[in-house]
Amino acid sequence: MRAAYRDDDRGQVAIEFLGMVPLILITLALLWQVVLVGYTYTLAANAADEGARACAVGGDGPAAASRHIDGAWTISGGGCDEGDGDMVHVKVTLGVPALVPGIGDVFSVVGEAGAVREEVTEP
């Protein structure tokens, strides 16, 4: 009687594994999207910092901000906000790319930076 019971369970692990594969793949895709969001925050902060440094010496802030941004990310902003005093501020907005192609940007991430205005002297 016991041998017949064991034969009925053959292949059960394979069926359960096939049922879990979609759940595992969806979890990995969501984790990868979270990684993309975190990396976009890093890129936005770096782009704003590059733009602020360029604006501080009178350079082209938007060009400096977008120099290191890859084509998967959409960038806007980066202009110099002179404001009051000796500070220049730059605000950059990056769209977070979706893992699935064709969807577009999931949402936007803002990076802000400031730098002290510098005077450039030619030797």
PDB file of N, CA and C in Angstrom:
ATOM      1  N   MET A   1       0.819  -1.190   0.000  1.00  0.00           N
ATOM      2  CA  MET A   1       0.000   0.000   0.000  1.00  0.00           C
ATOM      3  C   MET A   1       0.869   1.262   0.000  1.00  0.00           C
ATOM      4  N   ARG A   2       1.957   1.217   0.711  1.00  0.00           N
ATOM      5  CA  ARG A   2       2.814   2.383   0.815  1.00  0.00           C
ATOM      6  C   ARG A   2       3.524   2.683  -0.504  1.00  0.00           C
ATOM      7  N   ALA A   3       3.892   1.716  -1.246  1.00  0.00           N
ATOM      8  CA  ALA A   3       4.574   1.913  -2.523  1.00  0.00           C
ATOM      9  C   ALA A   3       3.675   2.622  -3.523  1.00  0.00           C
ATOM     10  N   ALA A   4       2.420   2.348  -3.515  1.00  0.00           N
ATOM     11  CA  ALA A   4       1.479   3.019  -4.429  1.00  0.00           C
ATOM     12  C   ALA A   4       1.363   4.502  -4.088  1.00  0.00           C
ATOM     13  N   TYR A   5       1.422   4.830  -2.812  1.00  0.00           N
ATOM     14  CA  TYR A   5       1.335   6.236  -2.395  1.00  0.00           C
ATOM     15  C   TYR A   5       2.556   7.021  -2.869  1.00  0.00           C
ATOM     16  N   ARG A   6       3.729   6.407  -2.802  1.00  0.00           N
ATOM     17  CA  ARG A   6       4.944   7.068  -3.252  1.00  0.00           C
ATOM     18  C   ARG A   6       4.920   7.309  -4.758  1.00  0.00           C
ATOM     19  N   ASP A   7       4.401   6.396  -5.503  1.00  0.00           N
ATOM     20  CA  ASP A   7       4.342   6.554  -6.953  1.00  0.00           C
ATOM     21  C   ASP A   7       3.414   7.687  -7.369  1.00  0.00           C
ATOM     22  N   ASP A   8       2.431   8.014  -6.568  1.00  0.00           N
ATOM     23  CA  ASP A   8       1.497   9.092  -6.910  1.00  0.00           C
ATOM     24  C   ASP A   8       2.152  10.466  -6.801  1.00  0.00           C
ATOM     25  N   ASP A   9       3.213  10.601  -6.010  1.00  0.00           N
ATOM     26  CA  ASP A   9       3.865  11.895  -5.803  1.00  0.00           C
ATOM     27  C   ASP A   9       4.996  12.168  -6.783  1.00  0.00           C
ATOM     28  N   ARG A  10       5.234  11.300  -7.712  1.00  0.00           N
ATOM     29  CA  ARG A  10       6.338  11.499  -8.643  1.00  0.00           C
ATOM     30  C   ARG A  10       6.075  12.731  -9.496  1.00  0.00           C
ATOM     31  N   GLY A  11       7.076  13.603  -9.609  1.00  0.00           N
ATOM     32  CA  GLY A  11       6.959  14.803 -10.436  1.00  0.00           C
ATOM     33  C   GLY A  11       6.338  15.990  -9.727  1.00  0.00           C
ATOM     34  N   GLN A  12       5.988  15.849  -8.473  1.00  0.00           N
ATOM     35  CA  GLN A  12       5.335  16.943  -7.751  1.00  0.00           C
ATOM     36  C   GLN A  12       6.268  18.145  -7.599  1.00  0.00           C
ATOM     37  N   VAL A  13       7.534  17.906  -7.323  1.00  0.00           N
ATOM     38  CA  VAL A  13       8.490  19.007  -7.166  1.00  0.00           C
ATOM     39  C   VAL A  13       8.642  19.769  -8.476  1.00  0.00           C
ATOM     40  N   ALA A  14       8.666  19.080  -9.583  1.00  0.00           N
ATOM     41  CA  ALA A  14       8.792  19.748 -10.883  1.00  0.00           C
ATOM     42  C   ALA A  14       7.579  20.625 -11.170  1.00  0.00           C
ATOM     43  N   ILE A  15       6.398  20.155 -10.838  1.00  0.00           N
ATOM     44  CA  ILE A  15       5.180  20.945 -11.054  1.00  0.00           C
ATOM     45  C   ILE A  15       5.177  22.174 -10.148  1.00  0.00           C
ATOM     46  N   GLU A  16       5.562  22.013  -8.890  1.00  0.00           N
ATOM     47  CA  GLU A  16       5.613  23.154  -7.974  1.00  0.00           C
ATOM     48  C   GLU A  16       6.661  24.166  -8.428  1.00  0.00           C
ATOM     49  N   PHE A  17       7.787  23.679  -8.923  1.00  0.00           N
ATOM     50  CA  PHE A  17       8.824  24.592  -9.418  1.00  0.00           C
ATOM     51  C   PHE A  17       8.308  25.397 -10.609  1.00  0.00           C
ATOM     52  N   LEU A  18       7.625  24.750 -11.527  1.00  0.00           N
ATOM     53  CA  LEU A  18       7.063  25.465 -12.679  1.00  0.00           C
ATOM     54  C   LEU A  18       6.032  26.498 -12.248  1.00  0.00           C
ATOM     55  N   GLY A  19       5.329  26.227 -11.176  1.00  0.00           N
ATOM     56  CA  GLY A  19       4.377  27.206 -10.658  1.00  0.00           C
ATOM     57  C   GLY A  19       5.060  28.394 -10.005  1.00  0.00           C
ATOM     58  N   MET A  20       6.248  28.183  -9.451  1.00  0.00           N
ATOM     59  CA  MET A  20       6.969  29.263  -8.771  1.00  0.00           C
ATOM     60  C   MET A  20       7.812  30.115  -9.711  1.00  0.00           C
ATOM     61  N   VAL A  21       8.156  29.611 -10.884  1.00  0.00           N
ATOM     62  CA  VAL A  21       9.019  30.346 -11.811  1.00  0.00           C
ATOM     63  C   VAL A  21       8.450  31.721 -12.160  1.00  0.00           C
ATOM     64  N   PRO A  22       7.165  31.862 -12.505  1.00  0.00           N
ATOM     65  CA  PRO A  22       6.658  33.213 -12.800  1.00  0.00           C
ATOM     66  C   PRO A  22       6.764  34.158 -11.606  1.00  0.00           C
ATOM     67  N   LEU A  23       6.506  33.659 -10.413  1.00  0.00           N
ATOM     68  CA  LEU A  23       6.614  34.498  -9.222  1.00  0.00           C
ATOM     69  C   LEU A  23       8.055  34.947  -8.995  1.00  0.00           C
ATOM     70  N   ILE A  24       8.996  34.059  -9.200  1.00  0.00           N
ATOM     71  CA  ILE A  24      10.410  34.409  -9.053  1.00  0.00           C
ATOM     72  C   ILE A  24      10.816  35.444 -10.097  1.00  0.00           C
ATOM     73  N   LEU A  25      10.388  35.271 -11.333  1.00  0.00           N
ATOM     74  CA  LEU A  25      10.738  36.219 -12.395  1.00  0.00           C
ATOM     75  C   LEU A  25      10.122  37.591 -12.157  1.00  0.00           C
ATOM     76  N   ILE A  26       8.883  37.645 -11.690  1.00  0.00           N
ATOM     77  CA  ILE A  26       8.243  38.932 -11.389  1.00  0.00           C
ATOM     78  C   ILE A  26       8.966  39.623 -10.244  1.00  0.00           C
ATOM     79  N   THR A  27       9.364  38.862  -9.227  1.00  0.00           N
ATOM     80  CA  THR A  27      10.104  39.441  -8.106  1.00  0.00           C
ATOM     81  C   THR A  27      11.447  40.003  -8.567  1.00  0.00           C
ATOM     82  N   LEU A  28      12.151  39.280  -9.416  1.00  0.00           N
ATOM     83  CA  LEU A  28      13.430  39.778  -9.938  1.00  0.00           C
ATOM     84  C   LEU A  28      13.237  41.037 -10.779  1.00  0.00           C
ATOM     85  N   ALA A  29      12.174  41.084 -11.574  1.00  0.00           N
ATOM     86  CA  ALA A  29      11.908  42.273 -12.389  1.00  0.00           C
ATOM     87  C   ALA A  29      11.603  43.479 -11.509  1.00  0.00           C
ATOM     88  N   LEU A  30      10.831  43.289 -10.451  1.00  0.00           N
ATOM     89  CA  LEU A  30      10.537  44.399  -9.541  1.00  0.00           C
ATOM     90  C   LEU A  30      11.790  44.868  -8.812  1.00  0.00           C
ATOM     91  N   LEU A  31      12.635  43.937  -8.405  1.00  0.00           N
ATOM     92  CA  LEU A  31      13.893  44.324  -7.760  1.00  0.00           C
ATOM     93  C   LEU A  31      14.793  45.098  -8.720  1.00  0.00           C
ATOM     94  N   TRP A  32      14.837  44.695  -9.975  1.00  0.00           N
ATOM     95  CA  TRP A  32      15.654  45.403 -10.956  1.00  0.00           C
ATOM     96  C   TRP A  32      15.107  46.812 -11.183  1.00  0.00           C
ATOM     97  N   GLN A  33      13.781  46.977 -11.176  1.00  0.00           N
ATOM     98  CA  GLN A  33      13.195  48.305 -11.330  1.00  0.00           C
ATOM     99  C   GLN A  33      13.563  49.193 -10.146  1.00  0.00           C
ATOM    100  N   VAL A  34      13.602  48.629  -8.951  1.00  0.00           N
ATOM    101  CA  VAL A  34      14.021  49.391  -7.772  1.00  0.00           C
ATOM    102  C   VAL A  34      15.481  49.812  -7.909  1.00  0.00           C
ATOM    103  N   VAL A  35      16.318  48.939  -8.447  1.00  0.00           N
ATOM    104  CA  VAL A  35      17.722  49.290  -8.693  1.00  0.00           C
ATOM    105  C   VAL A  35      17.804  50.442  -9.690  1.00  0.00           C
ATOM    106  N   LEU A  36      16.982  50.420 -10.731  1.00  0.00           N
ATOM    107  CA  LEU A  36      16.966  51.518 -11.705  1.00  0.00           C
ATOM    108  C   LEU A  36      16.557  52.835 -11.057  1.00  0.00           C
ATOM    109  N   VAL A  37      15.604  52.793 -10.140  1.00  0.00           N
ATOM    110  CA  VAL A  37      15.184  54.010  -9.443  1.00  0.00           C
ATOM    111  C   VAL A  37      16.341  54.560  -8.618  1.00  0.00           C
ATOM    112  N   GLY A  38      17.013  53.703  -7.871  1.00  0.00           N
ATOM    113  CA  GLY A  38      18.149  54.157  -7.064  1.00  0.00           C
ATOM    114  C   GLY A  38      19.273  54.715  -7.909  1.00  0.00           C
ATOM    115  N   TYR A  39      19.561  54.067  -9.018  1.00  0.00           N
ATOM    116  CA  TYR A  39      20.621  54.549  -9.905  1.00  0.00           C
ATOM    117  C   TYR A  39      20.234  55.882 -10.541  1.00  0.00           C
ATOM    118  N   THR A  40      18.953  56.074 -10.810  1.00  0.00           N
ATOM    119  CA  THR A  40      18.502  57.343 -11.382  1.00  0.00           C
ATOM    120  C   THR A  40      18.682  58.478 -10.385  1.00  0.00           C
ATOM    121  N   TYR A  41      18.437  58.218  -9.101  1.00  0.00           N
ATOM    122  CA  TYR A  41      18.696  59.241  -8.083  1.00  0.00           C
ATOM    123  C   TYR A  41      20.179  59.626  -8.075  1.00  0.00           C
ATOM    124  N   THR A  42      21.050  58.643  -8.199  1.00  0.00           N
ATOM    125  CA  THR A  42      22.484  58.917  -8.237  1.00  0.00           C
ATOM    126  C   THR A  42      22.855  59.730  -9.472  1.00  0.00           C
ATOM    127  N   LEU A  43      22.311  59.355 -10.627  1.00  0.00           N
ATOM    128  CA  LEU A  43      22.588  60.099 -11.859  1.00  0.00           C
ATOM    129  C   LEU A  43      22.066  61.527 -11.791  1.00  0.00           C
ATOM    130  N   ALA A  44      20.879  61.719 -11.218  1.00  0.00           N
ATOM    131  CA  ALA A  44      20.301  63.065 -11.125  1.00  0.00           C
ATOM    132  C   ALA A  44      21.153  63.959 -10.230  1.00  0.00           C
ATOM    133  N   ALA A  45      21.607  63.424  -9.111  1.00  0.00           N
ATOM    134  CA  ALA A  45      22.453  64.217  -8.216  1.00  0.00           C
ATOM    135  C   ALA A  45      23.777  64.563  -8.883  1.00  0.00           C
ATOM    136  N   ASN A  46      24.375  63.609  -9.587  1.00  0.00           N
ATOM    137  CA  ASN A  46      25.642  63.865 -10.264  1.00  0.00           C
ATOM    138  C   ASN A  46      25.465  64.874 -11.395  1.00  0.00           C
ATOM    139  N   ALA A  47      24.386  64.760 -12.162  1.00  0.00           N
ATOM    140  CA  ALA A  47      24.151  65.700 -13.260  1.00  0.00           C
ATOM    141  C   ALA A  47      23.945  67.111 -12.727  1.00  0.00           C
ATOM    142  N   ALA A  48      23.204  67.242 -11.635  1.00  0.00           N
ATOM    143  CA  ALA A  48      23.004  68.567 -11.044  1.00  0.00           C
ATOM    144  C   ALA A  48      24.320  69.131 -10.531  1.00  0.00           C
ATOM    145  N   ASP A  49      25.142  68.287  -9.942  1.00  0.00           N
ATOM    146  CA  ASP A  49      26.446  68.730  -9.442  1.00  0.00           C
ATOM    147  C   ASP A  49      27.352  69.184 -10.581  1.00  0.00           C
ATOM    148  N   GLU A  50      27.370  68.427 -11.677  1.00  0.00           N
ATOM    149  CA  GLU A  50      28.174  68.823 -12.846  1.00  0.00           C
ATOM    150  C   GLU A  50      27.672  70.151 -13.420  1.00  0.00           C
ATOM    151  N   GLY A  51      26.356  70.297 -13.514  1.00  0.00           N
ATOM    152  CA  GLY A  51      25.794  71.545 -14.024  1.00  0.00           C
ATOM    153  C   GLY A  51      26.109  72.727 -13.125  1.00  0.00           C
ATOM    154  N   ALA A  52      26.066  72.520 -11.812  1.00  0.00           N
ATOM    155  CA  ALA A  52      26.372  73.599 -10.871  1.00  0.00           C
ATOM    156  C   ALA A  52      27.836  74.011 -10.966  1.00  0.00           C
ATOM    157  N   ARG A  53      28.727  73.039 -11.116  1.00  0.00           N
ATOM    158  CA  ARG A  53      30.147  73.392 -11.258  1.00  0.00           C
ATOM    159  C   ARG A  53      30.395  74.176 -12.540  1.00  0.00           C
ATOM    160  N   ALA A  54      29.711  73.791 -13.627  1.00  0.00           N
ATOM    161  CA  ALA A  54      29.875  74.529 -14.884  1.00  0.00           C
ATOM    162  C   ALA A  54      29.305  75.936 -14.764  1.00  0.00           C
ATOM    163  N   CYS A  55      28.161  76.072 -14.113  1.00  0.00           N
ATOM    164  CA  CYS A  55      27.558  77.398 -13.946  1.00  0.00           C
ATOM    165  C   CYS A  55      28.408  78.292 -13.049  1.00  0.00           C
ATOM    166  N   ALA A  56      29.099  77.686 -12.090  1.00  0.00           N
ATOM    167  CA  ALA A  56      29.905  78.471 -11.154  1.00  0.00           C
ATOM    168  C   ALA A  56      31.042  79.193 -11.853  1.00  0.00           C
ATOM    169  N   VAL A  57      31.527  78.645 -12.956  1.00  0.00           N
ATOM    170  CA  VAL A  57      32.624  79.287 -13.682  1.00  0.00           C
ATOM    171  C   VAL A  57      32.135  79.950 -14.965  1.00  0.00           C
ATOM    172  N   GLY A  58      30.814  80.053 -15.114  1.00  0.00           N
ATOM    173  CA  GLY A  58      30.261  80.731 -16.289  1.00  0.00           C
ATOM    174  C   GLY A  58      30.106  79.847 -17.503  1.00  0.00           C
ATOM    175  N   GLY A  59      30.139  78.537 -17.322  1.00  0.00           N
ATOM    176  CA  GLY A  59      30.016  77.603 -18.445  1.00  0.00           C
ATOM    177  C   GLY A  59      28.571  77.270 -18.773  1.00  0.00           C
ATOM    178  N   ASP A  60      28.400  76.297 -19.642  1.00  0.00           N
ATOM    179  CA  ASP A  60      27.083  75.860 -20.090  1.00  0.00           C
ATOM    180  C   ASP A  60      26.567  74.777 -19.142  1.00  0.00           C
ATOM    181  N   GLY A  61      25.675  75.154 -18.247  1.00  0.00           N
ATOM    182  CA  GLY A  61      25.149  74.233 -17.244  1.00  0.00           C
ATOM    183  C   GLY A  61      24.378  73.055 -17.816  1.00  0.00           C
ATOM    184  N   PRO A  62      23.402  73.293 -18.721  1.00  0.00           N
ATOM    185  CA  PRO A  62      22.650  72.154 -19.265  1.00  0.00           C
ATOM    186  C   PRO A  62      23.521  71.156 -20.029  1.00  0.00           C
ATOM    187  N   ALA A  63      24.513  71.645 -20.763  1.00  0.00           N
ATOM    188  CA  ALA A  63      25.400  70.731 -21.497  1.00  0.00           C
ATOM    189  C   ALA A  63      26.234  69.902 -20.534  1.00  0.00           C
ATOM    190  N   ALA A  64      26.722  70.527 -19.473  1.00  0.00           N
ATOM    191  CA  ALA A  64      27.518  69.793 -18.489  1.00  0.00           C
ATOM    192  C   ALA A  64      26.659  68.787 -17.736  1.00  0.00           C
ATOM    193  N   ALA A  65      25.406  69.149 -17.468  1.00  0.00           N
ATOM    194  CA  ALA A  65      24.517  68.242 -16.732  1.00  0.00           C
ATOM    195  C   ALA A  65      24.169  67.014 -17.557  1.00  0.00           C
ATOM    196  N   SER A  66      23.996  67.184 -18.848  1.00  0.00           N
ATOM    197  CA  SER A  66      23.565  66.057 -19.681  1.00  0.00           C
ATOM    198  C   SER A  66      24.723  65.282 -20.305  1.00  0.00           C
ATOM    199  N   ARG A  67      25.941  65.679 -20.037  1.00  0.00           N
ATOM    200  CA  ARG A  67      27.104  65.046 -20.665  1.00  0.00           C
ATOM    201  C   ARG A  67      27.221  63.555 -20.333  1.00  0.00           C
ATOM    202  N   HIS A  68      26.929  63.176 -19.109  1.00  0.00           N
ATOM    203  CA  HIS A  68      27.136  61.784 -18.688  1.00  0.00           C
ATOM    204  C   HIS A  68      25.837  60.988 -18.581  1.00  0.00           C
ATOM    205  N   ILE A  69      24.746  61.525 -19.114  1.00  0.00           N
ATOM    206  CA  ILE A  69      23.460  60.831 -19.047  1.00  0.00           C
ATOM    207  C   ILE A  69      23.280  59.989 -20.304  1.00  0.00           C
ATOM    208  N   ASP A  70      23.003  58.721 -20.110  1.00  0.00           N
ATOM    209  CA  ASP A  70      22.827  57.782 -21.218  1.00  0.00           C
ATOM    210  C   ASP A  70      21.469  58.008 -21.888  1.00  0.00           C
ATOM    211  N   GLY A  71      21.281  57.427 -23.057  1.00  0.00           N
ATOM    212  CA  GLY A  71      20.060  57.615 -23.822  1.00  0.00           C
ATOM    213  C   GLY A  71      18.819  57.003 -23.199  1.00  0.00           C
ATOM    214  N   ALA A  72      18.958  56.092 -22.241  1.00  0.00           N
ATOM    215  CA  ALA A  72      17.789  55.482 -21.611  1.00  0.00           C
ATOM    216  C   ALA A  72      17.077  56.455 -20.680  1.00  0.00           C
ATOM    217  N   TRP A  73      17.770  57.469 -20.208  1.00  0.00           N
ATOM    218  CA  TRP A  73      17.193  58.442 -19.297  1.00  0.00           C
ATOM    219  C   TRP A  73      16.873  59.720 -20.055  1.00  0.00           C
ATOM    220  N   THR A  74      15.734  60.319 -19.730  1.00  0.00           N
ATOM    221  CA  THR A  74      15.382  61.617 -20.306  1.00  0.00           C
ATOM    222  C   THR A  74      15.706  62.683 -19.276  1.00  0.00           C
ATOM    223  N   ILE A  75      16.395  63.728 -19.711  1.00  0.00           N
ATOM    224  CA  ILE A  75      16.833  64.782 -18.803  1.00  0.00           C
ATOM    225  C   ILE A  75      16.183  66.093 -19.205  1.00  0.00           C
ATOM    226  N   SER A  76      15.819  66.864 -18.197  1.00  0.00           N
ATOM    227  CA  SER A  76      15.335  68.219 -18.435  1.00  0.00           C
ATOM    228  C   SER A  76      15.874  69.107 -17.324  1.00  0.00           C
ATOM    229  N   GLY A  77      15.939  70.379 -17.608  1.00  0.00           N
ATOM    230  CA  GLY A  77      16.482  71.317 -16.635  1.00  0.00           C
ATOM    231  C   GLY A  77      17.982  71.447 -16.794  1.00  0.00           C
ATOM    232  N   GLY A  78      18.622  71.822 -15.716  1.00  0.00           N
ATOM    233  CA  GLY A  78      20.067  71.981 -15.730  1.00  0.00           C
ATOM    234  C   GLY A  78      20.504  73.413 -15.933  1.00  0.00           C
ATOM    235  N   GLY A  79      19.524  74.306 -16.081  1.00  0.00           N
ATOM    236  CA  GLY A  79      19.864  75.711 -16.270  1.00  0.00           C
ATOM    237  C   GLY A  79      20.368  76.344 -14.986  1.00  0.00           C
ATOM    238  N   CYS A  80      21.135  77.406 -15.140  1.00  0.00           N
ATOM    239  CA  CYS A  80      21.729  78.090 -13.998  1.00  0.00           C
ATOM    240  C   CYS A  80      20.718  79.037 -13.369  1.00  0.00           C
ATOM    241  N   ASP A  81      20.508  78.894 -12.070  1.00  0.00           N
ATOM    242  CA  ASP A  81      19.685  79.824 -11.308  1.00  0.00           C
ATOM    243  C   ASP A  81      20.647  80.671 -10.486  1.00  0.00           C
ATOM    244  N   GLU A  82      20.880  81.879 -10.967  1.00  0.00           N
ATOM    245  CA  GLU A  82      21.882  82.741 -10.334  1.00  0.00           C
ATOM    246  C   GLU A  82      21.482  83.119  -8.912  1.00  0.00           C
ATOM    247  N   GLY A  83      20.228  83.449  -8.693  1.00  0.00           N
ATOM    248  CA  GLY A  83      19.765  83.780  -7.350  1.00  0.00           C
ATOM    249  C   GLY A  83      20.500  84.974  -6.762  1.00  0.00           C
ATOM    250  N   ASP A  84      20.449  85.076  -5.454  1.00  0.00           N
ATOM    251  CA  ASP A  84      21.127  86.162  -4.740  1.00  0.00           C
ATOM    252  C   ASP A  84      22.441  85.654  -4.163  1.00  0.00           C
ATOM    253  N   GLY A  85      23.362  86.547  -4.018  1.00  0.00           N
ATOM    254  CA  GLY A  85      24.626  86.183  -3.399  1.00  0.00           C
ATOM    255  C   GLY A  85      25.582  85.507  -4.357  1.00  0.00           C
ATOM    256  N   ASP A  86      26.460  84.723  -3.791  1.00  0.00           N
ATOM    257  CA  ASP A  86      27.520  84.088  -4.565  1.00  0.00           C
ATOM    258  C   ASP A  86      27.217  82.640  -4.940  1.00  0.00           C
ATOM    259  N   MET A  87      25.995  82.187  -4.730  1.00  0.00           N
ATOM    260  CA  MET A  87      25.646  80.794  -5.023  1.00  0.00           C
ATOM    261  C   MET A  87      24.902  80.677  -6.348  1.00  0.00           C
ATOM    262  N   VAL A  88      25.180  79.611  -7.065  1.00  0.00           N
ATOM    263  CA  VAL A  88      24.387  79.239  -8.238  1.00  0.00           C
ATOM    264  C   VAL A  88      23.734  77.891  -7.922  1.00  0.00           C
ATOM    265  N   HIS A  89      22.488  77.751  -8.342  1.00  0.00           N
ATOM    266  CA  HIS A  89      21.736  76.525  -8.082  1.00  0.00           C
ATOM    267  C   HIS A  89      21.303  75.914  -9.404  1.00  0.00           C
ATOM    268  N   VAL A  90      21.312  74.608  -9.453  1.00  0.00           N
ATOM    269  CA  VAL A  90      20.894  73.872 -10.646  1.00  0.00           C
ATOM    270  C   VAL A  90      19.921  72.783 -10.212  1.00  0.00           C
ATOM    271  N   LYS A  91      18.839  72.661 -10.972  1.00  0.00           N
ATOM    272  CA  LYS A  91      17.842  71.614 -10.718  1.00  0.00           C
ATOM    273  C   LYS A  91      17.701  70.782 -11.986  1.00  0.00           C
ATOM    274  N   VAL A  92      17.879  69.479 -11.863  1.00  0.00           N
ATOM    275  CA  VAL A  92      17.817  68.552 -12.992  1.00  0.00           C
ATOM    276  C   VAL A  92      16.712  67.535 -12.715  1.00  0.00           C
ATOM    277  N   THR A  93      15.918  67.244 -13.735  1.00  0.00           N
ATOM    278  CA  THR A  93      14.877  66.226 -13.623  1.00  0.00           C
ATOM    279  C   THR A  93      15.190  65.092 -14.593  1.00  0.00           C
ATOM    280  N   LEU A  94      15.232  63.881 -14.067  1.00  0.00           N
ATOM    281  CA  LEU A  94      15.482  62.688 -14.886  1.00  0.00           C
ATOM    282  C   LEU A  94      14.270  61.768 -14.814  1.00  0.00           C
ATOM    283  N   GLY A  95      13.908  61.214 -15.960  1.00  0.00           N
ATOM    284  CA  GLY A  95      12.846  60.215 -15.986  1.00  0.00           C
ATOM    285  C   GLY A  95      13.421  58.837 -15.714  1.00  0.00           C
ATOM    286  N   VAL A  96      12.767  58.089 -14.837  1.00  0.00           N
ATOM    287  CA  VAL A  96      13.213  56.730 -14.519  1.00  0.00           C
ATOM    288  C   VAL A  96      12.734  55.799 -15.633  1.00  0.00           C
ATOM    289  N   PRO A  97      13.644  55.131 -16.330  1.00  0.00           N
ATOM    290  CA  PRO A  97      13.211  54.241 -17.415  1.00  0.00           C
ATOM    291  C   PRO A  97      12.521  52.995 -16.864  1.00  0.00           C
ATOM    292  N   ALA A  98      11.558  52.510 -17.619  1.00  0.00           N
ATOM    293  CA  ALA A  98      10.867  51.276 -17.241  1.00  0.00           C
ATOM    294  C   ALA A  98      11.671  50.079 -17.723  1.00  0.00           C
ATOM    295  N   LEU A  99      11.562  48.996 -17.005  1.00  0.00           N
ATOM    296  CA  LEU A  99      12.265  47.780 -17.385  1.00  0.00           C
ATOM    297  C   LEU A  99      11.711  47.227 -18.693  1.00  0.00           C
ATOM    298  N   VAL A 100      10.412  47.385 -18.893  1.00  0.00           N
ATOM    299  CA  VAL A 100       9.765  46.900 -20.110  1.00  0.00           C
ATOM    300  C   VAL A 100       9.884  47.978 -21.183  1.00  0.00           C
ATOM    301  N   PRO A 101      10.466  47.685 -22.326  1.00  0.00           N
ATOM    302  CA  PRO A 101      10.618  48.699 -23.372  1.00  0.00           C
ATOM    303  C   PRO A 101       9.261  49.153 -23.918  1.00  0.00           C
ATOM    304  N   GLY A 102       9.201  50.417 -24.298  1.00  0.00           N
ATOM    305  CA  GLY A 102       7.998  50.956 -24.904  1.00  0.00           C
ATOM    306  C   GLY A 102       7.036  51.593 -23.932  1.00  0.00           C
ATOM    307  N   ILE A 103       7.217  51.381 -22.639  1.00  0.00           N
ATOM    308  CA  ILE A 103       6.309  51.977 -21.660  1.00  0.00           C
ATOM    309  C   ILE A 103       6.648  53.442 -21.448  1.00  0.00           C
ATOM    310  N   GLY A 104       7.909  53.793 -21.555  1.00  0.00           N
ATOM    311  CA  GLY A 104       8.332  55.165 -21.300  1.00  0.00           C
ATOM    312  C   GLY A 104       8.873  55.295 -19.887  1.00  0.00           C
ATOM    313  N   ASP A 105       8.841  56.514 -19.385  1.00  0.00           N
ATOM    314  CA  ASP A 105       9.357  56.773 -18.044  1.00  0.00           C
ATOM    315  C   ASP A 105       8.311  56.407 -16.996  1.00  0.00           C
ATOM    316  N   VAL A 106       8.763  55.763 -15.923  1.00  0.00           N
ATOM    317  CA  VAL A 106       7.862  55.379 -14.845  1.00  0.00           C
ATOM    318  C   VAL A 106       7.451  56.621 -14.065  1.00  0.00           C
ATOM    319  N   PHE A 107       8.409  57.400 -13.617  1.00  0.00           N
ATOM    320  CA  PHE A 107       8.181  58.689 -12.965  1.00  0.00           C
ATOM    321  C   PHE A 107       9.474  59.477 -13.024  1.00  0.00           C
ATOM    322  N   SER A 108       9.457  60.677 -12.471  1.00  0.00           N
ATOM    323  CA  SER A 108      10.625  61.561 -12.560  1.00  0.00           C
ATOM    324  C   SER A 108      11.322  61.683 -11.215  1.00  0.00           C
ATOM    325  N   VAL A 109      12.622  61.894 -11.284  1.00  0.00           N
ATOM    326  CA  VAL A 109      13.467  62.091 -10.114  1.00  0.00           C
ATOM    327  C   VAL A 109      14.147  63.441 -10.258  1.00  0.00           C
ATOM    328  N   VAL A 110      14.201  64.199  -9.176  1.00  0.00           N
ATOM    329  CA  VAL A 110      14.795  65.535  -9.205  1.00  0.00           C
ATOM    330  C   VAL A 110      16.109  65.522  -8.430  1.00  0.00           C
ATOM    331  N   GLY A 111      17.126  66.122  -9.025  1.00  0.00           N
ATOM    332  CA  GLY A 111      18.403  66.312  -8.359  1.00  0.00           C
ATOM    333  C   GLY A 111      18.722  67.797  -8.304  1.00  0.00           C
ATOM    334  N   GLU A 112      19.157  68.262  -7.163  1.00  0.00           N
ATOM    335  CA  GLU A 112      19.489  69.679  -6.990  1.00  0.00           C
ATOM    336  C   GLU A 112      20.900  69.799  -6.443  1.00  0.00           C
ATOM    337  N   ALA A 113      21.584  70.853  -6.883  1.00  0.00           N
ATOM    338  CA  ALA A 113      22.942  71.098  -6.399  1.00  0.00           C
ATOM    339  C   ALA A 113      23.214  72.593  -6.439  1.00  0.00           C
ATOM    340  N   GLY A 114      24.178  72.996  -5.671  1.00  0.00           N
ATOM    341  CA  GLY A 114      24.605  74.387  -5.648  1.00  0.00           C
ATOM    342  C   GLY A 114      26.117  74.467  -5.577  1.00  0.00           C
ATOM    343  N   ALA A 115      26.629  75.584  -6.030  1.00  0.00           N
ATOM    344  CA  ALA A 115      28.076  75.805  -5.984  1.00  0.00           C
ATOM    345  C   ALA A 115      28.326  77.298  -5.819  1.00  0.00           C
ATOM    346  N   VAL A 116      29.461  77.619  -5.263  1.00  0.00           N
ATOM    347  CA  VAL A 116      29.850  79.019  -5.088  1.00  0.00           C
ATOM    348  C   VAL A 116      30.371  79.546  -6.414  1.00  0.00           C
ATOM    349  N   ARG A 117      29.887  80.707  -6.811  1.00  0.00           N
ATOM    350  CA  ARG A 117      30.315  81.324  -8.067  1.00  0.00           C
ATOM    351  C   ARG A 117      31.806  81.646  -7.995  1.00  0.00           C
ATOM    352  N   GLU A 118      32.517  81.311  -9.057  1.00  0.00           N
ATOM    353  CA  GLU A 118      33.954  81.553  -9.130  1.00  0.00           C
ATOM    354  C   GLU A 118      34.248  82.504 -10.276  1.00  0.00           C
ATOM    355  N   GLU A 119      35.266  83.270 -10.097  1.00  0.00           N
ATOM    356  CA  GLU A 119      35.704  84.155 -11.173  1.00  0.00           C
ATOM    357  C   GLU A 119      36.874  83.491 -11.886  1.00  0.00           C
ATOM    358  N   VAL A 120      36.767  83.439 -13.192  1.00  0.00           N
ATOM    359  CA  VAL A 120      37.817  82.817 -13.992  1.00  0.00           C
ATOM    360  C   VAL A 120      38.768  83.910 -14.452  1.00  0.00           C
ATOM    361  N   THR A 121      40.039  83.725 -14.177  1.00  0.00           N
ATOM    362  CA  THR A 121      41.048  84.684 -14.631  1.00  0.00           C
ATOM    363  C   THR A 121      41.936  83.998 -15.648  1.00  0.00           C
ATOM    364  N   GLU A 122      42.122  84.650 -16.750  1.00  0.00           N
ATOM    365  CA  GLU A 122      42.985  84.117 -17.805  1.00  0.00           C
ATOM    366  C   GLU A 122      44.429  84.471 -17.490  1.00  0.00           C
ATOM    367  N   PRO A 123      45.360  83.540 -17.643  1.00  0.00           N
ATOM    368  CA  PRO A 123      46.771  83.836 -17.347  1.00  0.00           C
ATOM    369  C   PRO A 123      47.403  84.728 -18.396  1.00  0.00           C
TER     370      PRO A 123
END
